N, C-alpha and C. Protein backbone atom coordinates (compact mmCIF):
# COMPACT_ATOMS: atom_id res chain seq x y z
N MET A 1 17.90 0.50 14.68
CA MET A 1 17.50 0.97 13.85
C MET A 1 17.20 3.03 14.26
N ALA A 2 16.77 3.72 14.27
CA ALA A 2 15.33 4.59 14.57
C ALA A 2 14.46 4.97 13.83
N GLY A 3 13.35 3.86 14.59
CA GLY A 3 11.97 4.04 13.91
C GLY A 3 11.73 2.44 13.42
N ASP A 4 12.80 1.79 13.85
CA ASP A 4 12.17 0.37 13.56
C ASP A 4 11.06 0.20 14.37
N HIS A 5 10.05 -0.45 14.38
CA HIS A 5 8.81 -1.02 15.21
C HIS A 5 8.78 -2.61 15.10
N GLN A 6 10.11 -3.20 14.42
CA GLN A 6 9.87 -4.57 14.11
C GLN A 6 10.19 -5.43 15.78
N GLY A 7 10.92 -4.34 16.53
CA GLY A 7 11.29 -5.05 17.68
C GLY A 7 12.53 -5.82 17.61
N GLU A 8 13.33 -5.88 18.96
CA GLU A 8 14.45 -6.76 19.54
C GLU A 8 13.52 -7.91 18.90
N GLY A 9 15.06 -9.31 18.43
CA GLY A 9 14.90 -10.28 18.11
C GLY A 9 13.42 -10.38 17.17
N ALA A 10 12.72 -9.79 16.63
CA ALA A 10 12.23 -10.41 15.00
C ALA A 10 13.17 -10.48 13.81
N PRO A 11 12.49 -11.37 13.47
CA PRO A 11 13.27 -11.88 12.48
C PRO A 11 13.12 -11.27 11.47
N GLU A 12 14.61 -11.23 10.16
CA GLU A 12 14.22 -10.16 8.62
C GLU A 12 13.00 -10.42 7.61
N ALA A 13 12.40 -9.92 7.29
CA ALA A 13 11.71 -10.21 6.27
C ALA A 13 12.44 -10.58 5.24
N VAL A 14 12.08 -12.11 3.76
CA VAL A 14 12.69 -12.12 2.79
C VAL A 14 12.21 -11.92 1.81
N LEU A 15 12.29 -10.77 1.25
CA LEU A 15 11.70 -10.42 0.33
C LEU A 15 12.17 -10.69 -1.21
N ASP A 16 11.19 -11.65 -1.69
CA ASP A 16 11.38 -12.47 -2.97
C ASP A 16 9.73 -12.48 -3.73
N GLY A 17 9.85 -11.13 -4.60
CA GLY A 17 8.68 -10.86 -5.21
C GLY A 17 8.91 -11.78 -7.22
N ASP A 18 9.88 -12.38 -7.09
CA ASP A 18 9.89 -13.21 -8.58
C ASP A 18 8.43 -13.64 -8.70
N GLY A 19 7.97 -12.79 -9.56
CA GLY A 19 7.46 -14.17 -10.34
C GLY A 19 5.35 -13.22 -9.38
N LEU A 20 5.69 -12.76 -8.37
CA LEU A 20 4.33 -11.70 -8.53
C LEU A 20 3.94 -10.84 -9.08
N ARG A 21 2.53 -10.92 -9.12
CA ARG A 21 1.79 -9.98 -9.54
C ARG A 21 1.24 -9.04 -8.56
N VAL A 22 1.64 -8.30 -8.77
CA VAL A 22 1.08 -6.77 -8.16
C VAL A 22 -0.24 -5.98 -8.81
N ALA A 23 -1.07 -5.39 -8.22
CA ALA A 23 -1.82 -4.23 -8.26
C ALA A 23 -1.81 -3.28 -7.43
N VAL A 24 -1.66 -2.00 -8.40
CA VAL A 24 -1.33 -1.07 -7.53
C VAL A 24 -2.50 0.92 -7.34
N VAL A 25 -3.39 0.37 -6.12
CA VAL A 25 -4.34 1.42 -6.82
C VAL A 25 -4.09 2.81 -5.75
N ALA A 26 -4.14 4.21 -6.93
CA ALA A 26 -3.65 5.44 -6.08
C ALA A 26 -5.12 6.68 -6.48
N ALA A 27 -5.21 7.14 -5.64
CA ALA A 27 -6.07 7.88 -5.19
C ALA A 27 -5.37 9.69 -6.41
N ARG A 28 -6.02 9.92 -6.54
CA ARG A 28 -5.79 11.37 -7.67
C ARG A 28 -5.94 12.51 -6.90
N TRP A 29 -7.09 12.53 -5.93
CA TRP A 29 -7.18 13.62 -4.60
C TRP A 29 -5.56 13.57 -4.15
N ASN A 30 -4.88 15.25 -3.83
CA ASN A 30 -3.28 15.10 -3.24
C ASN A 30 -3.17 13.97 -4.64
N SER A 31 -3.17 14.06 -5.75
CA SER A 31 -1.59 13.86 -6.30
C SER A 31 -0.48 14.27 -6.19
N HIS A 32 0.31 15.14 -5.85
CA HIS A 32 1.40 15.48 -5.54
C HIS A 32 2.04 15.18 -4.65
N ILE A 33 0.98 14.05 -3.49
CA ILE A 33 1.62 13.23 -2.71
C ILE A 33 1.49 11.93 -3.08
N THR A 34 0.53 11.26 -3.38
CA THR A 34 0.19 9.96 -3.86
C THR A 34 1.36 9.80 -5.36
N LEU A 35 1.67 10.57 -6.39
CA LEU A 35 2.69 10.10 -7.47
C LEU A 35 3.48 10.18 -6.67
N ARG A 36 4.29 10.82 -5.33
CA ARG A 36 5.72 10.48 -4.24
C ARG A 36 5.40 9.01 -4.27
N LEU A 37 4.47 9.09 -2.86
CA LEU A 37 3.68 7.53 -2.91
C LEU A 37 4.22 6.15 -3.89
N LEU A 38 3.31 6.17 -5.11
CA LEU A 38 3.69 5.65 -6.35
C LEU A 38 5.38 5.21 -6.55
N ASP A 39 5.83 6.49 -6.74
CA ASP A 39 7.71 6.36 -6.70
C ASP A 39 8.19 5.33 -5.92
N GLY A 40 7.81 5.29 -4.45
CA GLY A 40 8.22 4.58 -3.89
C GLY A 40 7.78 3.20 -3.77
N VAL A 41 6.66 2.90 -4.48
CA VAL A 41 6.34 1.38 -5.07
C VAL A 41 6.97 1.05 -5.73
N ARG A 42 7.19 1.56 -6.95
CA ARG A 42 7.71 1.13 -7.76
C ARG A 42 9.26 0.91 -7.15
N ARG A 43 10.32 1.72 -6.38
CA ARG A 43 11.15 1.43 -5.79
C ARG A 43 11.40 -0.05 -5.19
N GLY A 44 10.17 -0.04 -4.48
CA GLY A 44 10.35 -1.35 -3.69
C GLY A 44 9.71 -2.38 -3.85
N LEU A 45 9.39 -2.42 -4.69
CA LEU A 45 8.94 -3.43 -6.02
C LEU A 45 9.87 -4.20 -6.47
N ALA A 46 10.95 -3.09 -7.18
CA ALA A 46 11.94 -3.80 -8.07
C ALA A 46 13.24 -3.83 -7.01
N ALA A 47 13.44 -3.66 -6.01
CA ALA A 47 14.11 -3.59 -5.19
C ALA A 47 14.01 -5.44 -4.87
N ALA A 48 12.83 -5.53 -4.60
CA ALA A 48 12.41 -7.47 -4.44
C ALA A 48 12.12 -8.13 -5.17
N GLY A 49 12.59 -7.90 -6.45
CA GLY A 49 12.63 -8.51 -7.67
C GLY A 49 11.10 -9.39 -8.43
N VAL A 50 10.19 -7.89 -7.72
CA VAL A 50 9.43 -7.94 -8.74
C VAL A 50 9.04 -6.89 -10.03
N ASP A 51 8.70 -8.14 -11.39
CA ASP A 51 9.00 -7.54 -12.46
C ASP A 51 8.07 -6.32 -12.78
N ALA A 52 8.40 -5.43 -13.45
CA ALA A 52 7.88 -3.95 -13.86
C ALA A 52 6.51 -4.63 -14.29
N ASP A 53 6.99 -5.47 -15.27
CA ASP A 53 5.78 -6.07 -16.51
C ASP A 53 3.75 -6.57 -15.61
N ASP A 54 4.76 -7.08 -14.25
CA ASP A 54 3.66 -7.57 -13.35
C ASP A 54 2.92 -6.76 -12.45
N VAL A 55 2.91 -6.46 -12.88
CA VAL A 55 2.36 -4.48 -12.06
C VAL A 55 1.40 -3.84 -12.65
N THR A 56 0.45 -3.80 -12.45
CA THR A 56 -0.46 -2.94 -12.48
C THR A 56 -0.69 -1.38 -11.93
N GLU A 57 -0.69 -0.52 -12.67
CA GLU A 57 -1.25 0.76 -12.01
C GLU A 57 -2.52 1.06 -12.27
N ASP A 58 -3.47 1.51 -11.57
CA ASP A 58 -5.01 1.70 -11.70
C ASP A 58 -4.95 3.47 -11.04
N TRP A 59 -6.45 4.44 -11.39
CA TRP A 59 -6.02 5.50 -10.44
C TRP A 59 -7.63 5.59 -9.88
N VAL A 60 -8.17 6.10 -9.32
CA VAL A 60 -9.61 6.53 -8.30
C VAL A 60 -9.36 8.11 -8.04
N PRO A 61 -10.67 8.38 -7.72
CA PRO A 61 -11.01 9.52 -7.55
C PRO A 61 -9.96 10.02 -6.20
N GLY A 62 -10.49 9.52 -4.86
CA GLY A 62 -9.86 9.69 -4.21
C GLY A 62 -9.80 8.40 -3.26
N ALA A 63 -9.59 9.00 -1.94
CA ALA A 63 -8.97 7.38 -0.50
C ALA A 63 -10.38 6.63 -0.95
N PHE A 64 -11.58 7.63 -0.30
CA PHE A 64 -12.72 6.59 -0.41
C PHE A 64 -13.23 5.60 -1.39
N GLU A 65 -12.74 5.75 -2.33
CA GLU A 65 -12.69 4.59 -3.44
C GLU A 65 -11.55 3.70 -3.62
N LEU A 66 -10.62 4.13 -3.05
CA LEU A 66 -9.69 2.52 -2.58
C LEU A 66 -10.56 1.36 -2.86
N PRO A 67 -10.82 0.89 -1.66
CA PRO A 67 -11.88 -0.21 -0.88
C PRO A 67 -12.24 -1.11 -1.93
N LEU A 68 -12.91 -0.09 -2.90
CA LEU A 68 -14.09 -1.09 -3.80
C LEU A 68 -13.05 -1.23 -4.93
N ALA A 69 -11.63 -0.81 -5.32
CA ALA A 69 -10.58 -0.71 -6.57
C ALA A 69 -10.39 -1.95 -5.57
N ALA A 70 -9.44 -1.87 -5.02
CA ALA A 70 -8.44 -3.06 -4.57
C ALA A 70 -9.44 -4.62 -4.29
N LYS A 71 -10.37 -3.97 -3.91
CA LYS A 71 -11.17 -5.48 -3.33
C LYS A 71 -11.75 -6.08 -5.36
N THR A 72 -12.07 -5.46 -6.38
CA THR A 72 -12.48 -5.57 -7.21
C THR A 72 -10.87 -6.19 -7.79
N TRP A 73 -9.84 -5.77 -7.95
CA TRP A 73 -8.41 -6.23 -8.19
C TRP A 73 -8.23 -7.38 -7.48
N ALA A 74 -8.48 -8.07 -6.06
CA ALA A 74 -8.28 -8.82 -5.63
C ALA A 74 -9.71 -10.28 -5.91
N LEU A 75 -10.03 -9.73 -6.07
CA LEU A 75 -11.03 -10.47 -6.69
C LEU A 75 -10.74 -10.97 -8.16
N SER A 76 -10.41 -10.34 -8.49
CA SER A 76 -10.05 -10.45 -10.42
C SER A 76 -9.17 -12.14 -10.66
N GLY A 77 -8.31 -12.47 -9.40
CA GLY A 77 -7.61 -13.67 -9.53
C GLY A 77 -6.10 -13.38 -10.91
N ARG A 78 -6.11 -12.01 -11.06
CA ARG A 78 -4.97 -12.10 -11.79
C ARG A 78 -3.57 -11.15 -11.32
N VAL A 79 -4.18 -10.79 -9.60
CA VAL A 79 -2.94 -10.31 -9.16
C VAL A 79 -2.67 -11.20 -7.52
N ASP A 80 -1.86 -11.23 -7.08
CA ASP A 80 -1.59 -12.04 -5.90
C ASP A 80 -1.37 -10.71 -4.44
N ALA A 81 -1.28 -9.37 -4.87
CA ALA A 81 -1.45 -8.60 -4.11
C ALA A 81 -2.09 -6.65 -4.41
N VAL A 82 -2.29 -6.53 -3.65
CA VAL A 82 -2.79 -5.02 -3.91
C VAL A 82 -2.41 -4.10 -2.97
N ILE A 83 -1.87 -3.21 -3.43
CA ILE A 83 -1.19 -1.46 -2.26
C ILE A 83 -2.28 -0.81 -3.29
N CYS A 84 -2.57 -0.38 -1.92
CA CYS A 84 -3.66 1.14 -2.30
C CYS A 84 -2.49 2.37 -1.15
N LEU A 85 -2.66 3.39 -2.20
CA LEU A 85 -2.26 4.78 -2.14
C LEU A 85 -2.68 5.75 -1.95
N GLY A 86 -2.83 6.61 -1.13
CA GLY A 86 -3.97 7.60 -0.75
C GLY A 86 -3.66 8.73 -0.21
N CYS A 87 -4.18 9.59 0.30
CA CYS A 87 -3.61 10.87 0.87
C CYS A 87 -5.05 11.46 1.47
N VAL A 88 -4.64 11.64 3.08
CA VAL A 88 -6.19 12.33 3.81
C VAL A 88 -5.29 13.61 4.72
N ILE A 89 -5.56 15.26 4.25
CA ILE A 89 -4.65 15.42 5.17
C ILE A 89 -6.25 16.17 5.97
N ARG A 90 -5.95 16.09 7.64
CA ARG A 90 -7.13 16.74 7.87
C ARG A 90 -7.22 17.90 7.40
N GLY A 91 -8.60 18.09 7.95
CA GLY A 91 -9.68 20.43 7.26
C GLY A 91 -9.89 20.75 8.31
N GLU A 92 -10.81 21.75 8.39
CA GLU A 92 -11.21 22.08 9.13
C GLU A 92 -13.28 21.57 9.79
N THR A 93 -13.23 20.61 9.12
CA THR A 93 -14.57 19.41 9.31
C THR A 93 -14.24 18.30 9.40
N THR A 94 -15.47 17.77 9.85
CA THR A 94 -15.23 16.26 10.38
C THR A 94 -14.82 15.21 9.29
N HIS A 95 -14.61 15.83 7.87
CA HIS A 95 -15.06 14.94 7.05
C HIS A 95 -13.26 14.11 6.92
N TYR A 96 -11.89 14.40 7.36
CA TYR A 96 -11.74 13.78 7.43
C TYR A 96 -11.12 12.21 7.97
N GLU A 97 -12.59 12.61 9.22
CA GLU A 97 -12.82 11.17 10.43
C GLU A 97 -13.32 10.17 9.22
N SER A 98 -14.47 10.50 8.27
CA SER A 98 -15.59 9.90 7.63
C SER A 98 -13.82 9.40 6.65
N VAL A 99 -13.38 9.95 5.85
CA VAL A 99 -12.69 9.13 4.48
C VAL A 99 -12.07 8.77 5.27
N ALA A 100 -10.86 8.41 6.27
CA ALA A 100 -9.87 8.31 6.99
C ALA A 100 -9.98 6.92 7.47
N GLY A 101 -11.01 6.76 8.17
CA GLY A 101 -11.47 5.42 8.29
C GLY A 101 -12.96 5.06 7.86
N GLU A 102 -13.21 4.96 7.19
CA GLU A 102 -13.76 3.77 5.89
C GLU A 102 -13.12 3.85 4.98
N CYS A 103 -12.10 3.98 4.33
CA CYS A 103 -11.02 3.72 4.00
C CYS A 103 -10.02 2.95 4.12
N ALA A 104 -9.40 3.01 5.81
CA ALA A 104 -9.14 2.33 6.56
C ALA A 104 -10.20 0.83 7.05
N SER A 105 -11.55 1.07 7.10
CA SER A 105 -12.40 -0.12 7.16
C SER A 105 -11.95 -0.87 6.06
N GLY A 106 -12.28 -0.25 4.65
CA GLY A 106 -12.72 -0.67 3.49
C GLY A 106 -11.67 -1.43 3.60
N ILE A 107 -10.06 -1.15 3.16
CA ILE A 107 -8.93 -1.86 2.74
C ILE A 107 -9.39 -3.02 3.59
N GLN A 108 -9.38 -3.10 4.69
CA GLN A 108 -8.73 -4.46 6.18
C GLN A 108 -9.75 -5.48 5.23
N GLN A 109 -10.76 -5.10 5.29
CA GLN A 109 -12.62 -5.90 5.52
C GLN A 109 -12.09 -6.45 3.98
N ALA A 110 -11.86 -5.90 2.51
CA ALA A 110 -11.87 -6.52 1.59
C ALA A 110 -10.83 -7.61 1.41
N GLN A 111 -9.07 -7.10 2.36
CA GLN A 111 -8.22 -7.84 2.72
C GLN A 111 -9.23 -9.30 2.93
N LEU A 112 -9.27 -8.79 4.59
CA LEU A 112 -10.05 -10.06 4.87
C LEU A 112 -10.83 -10.99 4.06
N GLU A 113 -11.94 -10.29 3.47
CA GLU A 113 -13.13 -11.34 2.18
C GLU A 113 -12.69 -12.12 1.03
N THR A 114 -11.29 -11.24 0.65
CA THR A 114 -10.83 -11.90 -0.32
C THR A 114 -9.45 -13.07 0.22
N GLY A 115 -8.81 -12.61 1.36
CA GLY A 115 -7.77 -13.88 1.00
C GLY A 115 -6.19 -12.64 0.39
N VAL A 116 -6.79 -11.88 0.16
CA VAL A 116 -5.76 -11.59 -0.74
C VAL A 116 -4.93 -10.47 -0.27
N PRO A 117 -3.75 -10.33 -0.03
CA PRO A 117 -3.23 -9.34 0.84
C PRO A 117 -3.30 -8.11 0.19
N ILE A 118 -3.08 -6.77 0.62
CA ILE A 118 -3.73 -5.38 0.43
C ILE A 118 -3.10 -4.48 1.56
N ALA A 119 -2.50 -3.57 1.14
CA ALA A 119 -1.24 -2.94 1.13
C ALA A 119 -2.49 -1.34 1.64
N PHE A 120 -2.56 -1.31 2.91
CA PHE A 120 -2.64 0.32 3.16
C PHE A 120 -1.49 1.66 3.49
N GLY A 121 -1.75 2.50 1.98
CA GLY A 121 -0.59 2.58 2.14
C GLY A 121 -1.13 4.46 1.62
N ALA A 122 -2.37 3.75 2.38
CA ALA A 122 -3.19 5.68 2.99
C ALA A 122 -2.70 6.57 3.55
N LEU A 123 -2.55 7.44 3.49
CA LEU A 123 -1.32 8.85 4.63
C LEU A 123 -2.82 9.10 5.29
N THR A 124 -2.74 9.14 6.70
CA THR A 124 -3.96 10.00 7.54
C THR A 124 -3.36 11.03 7.86
N VAL A 125 -3.12 12.03 7.80
CA VAL A 125 -1.99 13.52 8.57
C VAL A 125 -2.73 14.67 8.74
N GLU A 126 -1.90 14.82 9.53
CA GLU A 126 -2.59 16.78 9.53
C GLU A 126 -2.59 17.54 9.06
N ASN A 127 -1.38 17.46 8.79
CA ASN A 127 -1.00 18.77 7.36
C ASN A 127 -0.26 18.25 6.38
N LEU A 128 0.01 19.24 5.58
CA LEU A 128 0.88 18.46 3.91
C LEU A 128 2.32 18.20 4.67
N GLN A 129 2.81 19.39 5.41
CA GLN A 129 4.71 18.80 5.84
C GLN A 129 4.31 17.43 6.39
N GLN A 130 3.46 16.66 7.10
CA GLN A 130 3.39 14.71 7.63
C GLN A 130 3.23 14.58 6.50
N ALA A 131 2.52 14.74 5.52
CA ALA A 131 2.80 13.67 4.15
C ALA A 131 3.62 14.07 3.31
N LEU A 132 4.57 14.93 3.41
CA LEU A 132 5.78 15.00 2.20
C LEU A 132 6.95 13.80 3.19
N ALA A 133 6.88 14.35 4.55
CA ALA A 133 7.61 13.93 5.38
C ALA A 133 7.73 12.13 5.37
N ARG A 134 6.42 11.77 4.80
CA ARG A 134 6.29 9.79 5.01
C ARG A 134 5.87 10.06 3.50
N SER A 135 6.33 10.93 2.38
CA SER A 135 6.45 10.05 1.02
C SER A 135 7.76 10.45 0.17
N GLU A 136 9.22 10.55 1.33
CA GLU A 136 10.12 11.44 1.07
C GLU A 136 10.58 10.20 -0.57
N GLY A 137 11.59 11.17 -1.23
CA GLY A 137 12.40 9.94 -2.38
C GLY A 137 13.24 8.64 -1.69
N PRO A 138 14.28 8.08 -3.00
CA PRO A 138 14.30 6.77 -2.01
C PRO A 138 15.50 7.17 -0.55
N GLU A 139 15.82 8.21 0.11
CA GLU A 139 16.86 9.09 1.05
C GLU A 139 15.77 8.71 2.16
N GLY A 140 14.61 8.90 2.06
CA GLY A 140 13.55 9.05 3.21
C GLY A 140 12.73 7.65 3.31
N HIS A 141 11.54 8.48 4.36
CA HIS A 141 10.99 7.75 4.56
C HIS A 141 9.49 7.98 3.15
N ASN A 142 9.16 6.62 2.67
CA ASN A 142 8.25 6.35 2.32
C ASN A 142 7.23 5.27 2.04
N VAL A 143 6.19 5.81 2.57
CA VAL A 143 4.80 4.94 2.72
C VAL A 143 4.86 3.48 1.66
N GLY A 144 4.87 4.72 0.53
CA GLY A 144 4.39 3.26 -0.50
C GLY A 144 5.54 2.28 -0.87
N GLU A 145 6.99 2.71 -0.47
CA GLU A 145 8.27 1.54 -0.61
C GLU A 145 7.64 0.38 0.54
N ASP A 146 7.39 0.99 2.22
CA ASP A 146 6.85 -0.35 2.76
C ASP A 146 5.77 -0.77 2.54
N GLY A 147 4.77 -0.50 1.66
CA GLY A 147 3.92 -1.04 0.96
C GLY A 147 3.88 -1.85 0.37
N ALA A 148 4.97 -2.37 -0.65
CA ALA A 148 6.08 -3.04 -1.84
C ALA A 148 6.43 -4.13 -0.95
N LYS A 149 6.59 -3.74 -0.07
CA LYS A 149 7.65 -4.78 1.18
C LYS A 149 6.32 -5.42 1.88
N VAL A 150 5.25 -4.81 1.91
CA VAL A 150 4.37 -5.35 3.31
C VAL A 150 3.94 -6.66 2.06
N VAL A 151 3.35 -6.79 0.90
CA VAL A 151 2.56 -7.03 -0.16
C VAL A 151 3.64 -8.04 0.41
N VAL A 152 4.75 -8.41 -0.27
CA VAL A 152 5.19 -8.93 -1.14
C VAL A 152 5.43 -10.22 -0.25
N GLU A 153 6.36 -9.78 1.22
CA GLU A 153 5.91 -10.49 2.54
C GLU A 153 5.29 -11.49 2.88
N MET A 154 3.46 -10.80 2.56
CA MET A 154 2.45 -11.49 2.75
C MET A 154 1.94 -12.43 1.75
N ALA A 155 2.02 -11.55 0.59
CA ALA A 155 1.82 -12.72 -0.07
C ALA A 155 2.58 -13.85 -0.63
N ARG A 156 3.48 -13.99 0.08
CA ARG A 156 4.65 -15.14 -0.09
C ARG A 156 4.02 -16.03 1.55
N LEU A 157 3.74 -15.22 2.44
CA LEU A 157 2.91 -15.53 3.36
C LEU A 157 1.46 -16.87 3.52
N VAL A 158 0.91 -16.11 2.97
CA VAL A 158 0.21 -16.72 2.74
C VAL A 158 0.01 -18.04 1.62
N ALA A 159 0.75 -18.30 0.64
CA ALA A 159 1.18 -18.62 -0.41
C ALA A 159 1.55 -19.77 0.66
N ARG A 160 2.64 -19.84 1.89
CA ARG A 160 3.11 -20.60 2.03
C ARG A 160 2.40 -21.53 3.16
N ILE A 161 1.37 -20.75 3.70
CA ILE A 161 0.12 -20.90 4.46
C ILE A 161 -0.90 -21.99 3.61
N ARG A 162 -0.99 -21.79 2.40
CA ARG A 162 -2.05 -22.39 1.79
C ARG A 162 -1.45 -23.21 1.25
N LYS A 163 -0.12 -23.92 1.07
CA LYS A 163 0.23 -24.80 0.28
C LYS A 163 0.33 -25.52 1.59
N GLY A 164 0.47 -25.45 2.52
CA GLY A 164 0.79 -26.31 3.81
C GLY A 164 2.03 -26.75 4.51
């Protein structure tokens, strides 16, 4: 499959989201893109069997605020996984590097500190065309949909490991 990054011989993921509780945190900045990513999350979670009643959606001002909201949800004990959605488009200043880097770093730190899977669904792109290409509808590539698959797979893996 073109664009498949799993590689030859990697086992297929079994996505069973039945009973999983998921928080989705989306950035309002560039909401014309994050709303498309959110549609992808909804499709991906539904396809994996996550009940819509077990999904909570929250909004934050921008990508920089995603890690704090994700960590707060992860520490709440009310969810099995978190998905972060944002879009940082490079501009003419170095602001892009600061926001994109700290967002990624903070999300990784939050999942490592809490032990709760947190998907990085924050686009870090050069231009609007790249953002649109990574947030397409059901027939195209959508990073939000990818994030939904990631958290279902990782939540099940973490639970299995903890059970022994």
